C-alpha atoms as a PDB file:
ATOM      1  CA  MET A   1     107.020 132.855  46.364  1.00  0.00           C
ATOM      2  CA  LYS A   2     105.946 133.093  42.622  1.00  0.00           C
ATOM      3  CA  LEU A   3     109.682 132.203  41.801  1.00  0.00           C
ATOM      4  CA  MET A   4     109.088 129.128  43.831  1.00  0.00           C
ATOM      5  CA  GLU A   5     105.800 128.401  42.100  1.00  0.00           C
ATOM      6  CA  ASP A   6     107.323 128.783  38.603  1.00  0.00           C
ATOM      7  CA  LYS A   7     110.085 126.680  39.379  1.00  0.00           C
ATOM      8  CA  PHE A   8     107.937 123.619  40.225  1.00  0.00           C
ATOM      9  CA  LEU A   9     105.879 124.002  37.536  1.00  0.00           C
ATOM     10  CA  HIS A  10     108.800 124.318  35.182  1.00  0.00           C
ATOM     11  CA  LEU A  11     110.324 121.173  36.544  1.00  0.00           C
ATOM     12  CA  LEU A  12     107.045 119.174  36.305  1.00  0.00           C
ATOM     13  CA  GLY A  13     107.109 120.220  32.892  1.00  0.00           C
ATOM     14  CA  PHE A  14     110.510 119.167  32.200  1.00  0.00           C
ATOM     15  CA  CYS A  15     109.826 115.526  34.207  1.00  0.00           C
ATOM     16  CA  GLN A  16     107.066 115.109  31.402  1.00  0.00           C
ATOM     17  CA  LYS A  17     109.452 115.838  28.762  1.00  0.00           C
ATOM     18  CA  ALA A  18     112.022 113.455  30.157  1.00  0.00           C
ATOM     19  CA  GLY A  19     109.258 110.675  30.440  1.00  0.00           C
ATOM     20  CA  ILE A  20     109.848 110.205  34.209  1.00  0.00           C
ATOM     21  CA  LEU A  21     106.137 111.561  34.968  1.00  0.00           C
ATOM     22  CA  SER A  22     103.266 109.532  35.093  1.00  0.00           C
ATOM     23  CA  SER A  23      99.568 111.293  35.649  1.00  0.00           C
ATOM     24  CA  GLY A  24      96.130 110.202  36.242  1.00  0.00           C
ATOM     25  CA  THR A  25      94.547 108.465  39.392  1.00  0.00           C
ATOM     26  CA  GLY A  26      94.737 104.806  38.253  1.00  0.00           C
ATOM     27  CA  THR A  27      98.124 105.097  36.874  1.00  0.00           C
ATOM     28  CA  VAL A  28      99.332 106.697  39.968  1.00  0.00           C
ATOM     29  CA  ARG A  29      97.738 104.509  42.473  1.00  0.00           C
ATOM     30  CA  GLU A  30      99.056 101.360  40.570  1.00  0.00           C
ATOM     31  CA  LEU A  31     102.798 102.822  40.960  1.00  0.00           C
ATOM     32  CA  ILE A  32     102.296 103.515  44.646  1.00  0.00           C
ATOM     33  CA  LYS A  33     100.977  99.856  44.883  1.00  0.00           C
ATOM     34  CA  LYS A  34     103.987  98.772  43.021  1.00  0.00           C
ATOM     35  CA  GLY A  35     106.419 101.059  45.090  1.00  0.00           C
ATOM     36  CA  LYS A  36     107.625 102.427  41.776  1.00  0.00           C
ATOM     37  CA  ALA A  37     107.259 106.298  42.346  1.00  0.00           C
ATOM     38  CA  TYR A  38     109.832 108.984  44.260  1.00  0.00           C
ATOM     39  CA  LEU A  39     107.307 111.533  44.758  1.00  0.00           C
ATOM     40  CA  ILE A  40     103.448 111.793  44.580  1.00  0.00           C
ATOM     41  CA  ILE A  41     101.891 115.043  43.801  1.00  0.00           C
ATOM     42  CA  GLY A  42      98.253 115.721  44.636  1.00  0.00           C
ATOM     43  CA  ALA A  43      96.478 118.835  43.513  1.00  0.00           C
ATOM     44  CA  VAL A  44      94.783 121.004  46.229  1.00  0.00           C
ATOM     45  CA  ASP A  45      91.278 120.428  44.763  1.00  0.00           C
ATOM     46  CA  LEU A  46      91.743 116.637  44.740  1.00  0.00           C
ATOM     47  CA  SER A  47      88.941 115.361  46.820  1.00  0.00           C
ATOM     48  CA  ASP A  48      90.007 114.851  50.330  1.00  0.00           C
ATOM     49  CA  ARG A  49      88.462 111.390  50.341  1.00  0.00           C
ATOM     50  CA  LEU A  50      90.639 110.289  47.231  1.00  0.00           C
ATOM     51  CA  TRP A  51      93.857 112.209  49.000  1.00  0.00           C
ATOM     52  CA  LYS A  52      93.401 110.349  52.093  1.00  0.00           C
ATOM     53  CA  ASP A  53      93.564 106.965  50.426  1.00  0.00           C
ATOM     54  CA  VAL A  54      96.456 108.027  48.419  1.00  0.00           C
ATOM     55  CA  GLU A  55      98.551 109.533  51.792  1.00  0.00           C
ATOM     56  CA  SER A  56      97.801 106.108  53.642  1.00  0.00           C
ATOM     57  CA  SER A  57      99.214 104.226  50.410  1.00  0.00           C
ATOM     58  CA  CYS A  58     102.323 106.469  50.297  1.00  0.00           C
ATOM     59  CA  ASN A  59     102.805 106.262  53.951  1.00  0.00           C
ATOM     60  CA  TYR A  60     102.827 102.439  53.934  1.00  0.00           C
ATOM     61  CA  LYS A  61     104.808 102.280  51.040  1.00  0.00           C
ATOM     62  CA  GLY A  62     107.313 105.096  52.281  1.00  0.00           C
ATOM     63  CA  ILE A  63     106.769 107.606  49.249  1.00  0.00           C
ATOM     64  CA  PRO A  64     106.710 111.042  49.926  1.00  0.00           C
ATOM     65  CA  TYR A  65     103.844 113.309  48.828  1.00  0.00           C
ATOM     66  CA  LEU A  66     102.690 116.626  48.809  1.00  0.00           C
ATOM     67  CA  ARG A  67      99.807 118.579  47.805  1.00  0.00           C
ATOM     68  CA  ASN A  68     100.786 121.656  45.390  1.00  0.00           C
ATOM     69  CA  LYS A  69      98.669 123.538  42.707  1.00  0.00           C
ATOM     70  CA  THR A  70      95.318 123.232  40.993  1.00  0.00           C
ATOM     71  CA  LYS A  71      94.449 120.082  38.658  1.00  0.00           C
ATOM     72  CA  ILE A  72      94.189 122.666  36.014  1.00  0.00           C
ATOM     73  CA  GLN A  73      98.082 124.084  37.023  1.00  0.00           C
ATOM     74  CA  LEU A  74      99.398 120.593  37.036  1.00  0.00           C
ATOM     75  CA  GLY A  75      97.739 119.719  33.693  1.00  0.00           C
ATOM     76  CA  ASP A  76      98.975 122.878  31.925  1.00  0.00           C
ATOM     77  CA  ALA A  77     102.423 122.284  33.267  1.00  0.00           C
ATOM     78  CA  ILE A  78     102.777 118.890  31.597  1.00  0.00           C
ATOM     79  CA  GLY A  79     100.909 119.793  28.312  1.00  0.00           C
ATOM     80  CA  LYS A  80      97.680 117.618  29.284  1.00  0.00           C
ATOM     81  CA  SER A  81      94.059 118.244  30.590  1.00  0.00           C
ATOM     82  CA  PRO A  82      93.739 118.673  34.339  1.00  0.00           C
ATOM     83  CA  ARG A  83      95.395 116.358  36.476  1.00  0.00           C
ATOM     84  CA  GLY A  84      94.600 115.438  40.052  1.00  0.00           C
ATOM     85  CA  LEU A  85      97.588 113.149  40.662  1.00  0.00           C
ATOM     86  CA  ILE A  86     101.332 112.722  39.386  1.00  0.00           C
ATOM     87  CA  ALA A  87     103.967 110.540  40.257  1.00  0.00           C
ATOM     88  CA  ILE A  88     107.755 111.199  39.619  1.00  0.00           C
ATOM     89  CA  GLY A  89     109.737 107.974  38.648  1.00  0.00           C
ATOM     90  CA  GLU A  90     113.002 109.533  39.194  1.00  0.00           C
ATOM     91  CA  ARG A  91     114.717 110.266  42.503  1.00  0.00           C
ATOM     92  CA  ASN A  92     116.905 113.232  41.688  1.00  0.00           C
ATOM     93  CA  PHE A  93     113.829 115.098  40.162  1.00  0.00           C
ATOM     94  CA  ALA A  94     111.668 114.140  43.187  1.00  0.00           C
ATOM     95  CA  LEU A  95     114.220 115.929  45.523  1.00  0.00           C
ATOM     96  CA  GLN A  96     114.392 118.868  43.138  1.00  0.00           C
ATOM     97  CA  LEU A  97     110.400 119.407  43.377  1.00  0.00           C
ATOM     98  CA  LEU A  98     110.648 119.006  46.852  1.00  0.00           C
ATOM     99  CA  LYS A  99     112.807 121.697  47.235  1.00  0.00           C
ATOM    100  CA  ALA A 100     111.176 123.976  44.907  1.00  0.00           C
ATOM    101  CA  ALA A 101     107.720 123.398  46.922  1.00  0.00           C
ATOM    102  CA  GLY A 102     109.870 124.651  50.084  1.00  0.00           C
ATOM    103  CA  ILE A 103     110.621 121.117  51.579  1.00  0.00           C
ATOM    104  CA  GLU A 104     114.092 120.032  52.259  1.00  0.00           C
ATOM    105  CA  ILE A 105     114.693 116.244  52.630  1.00  0.00           C
ATOM    106  CA  MET A 106     117.963 115.031  53.734  1.00  0.00           C
END
């Protein structure tokens, strides 16, 4: 399982360097609202209230989402301070991240 975790974090870092990752609650919520994200990642230590709102918005817009890692782990992976929400803006990377998290989508 550690290999999968490392690959997930590595891919997040690559997305950041490629400029296809956005983070932060306000930014991510705006991207969800506009339907401009291919995957939403929430930290496991994000408040349940906020996460339920994000889930509802993602379901409405048809955007896949998952909860994975802590805020500190997500922030470290992208070279920033702790992050609770991350949006991926490119389909193929979103699919690779889901696969690295152990989720297969057809």
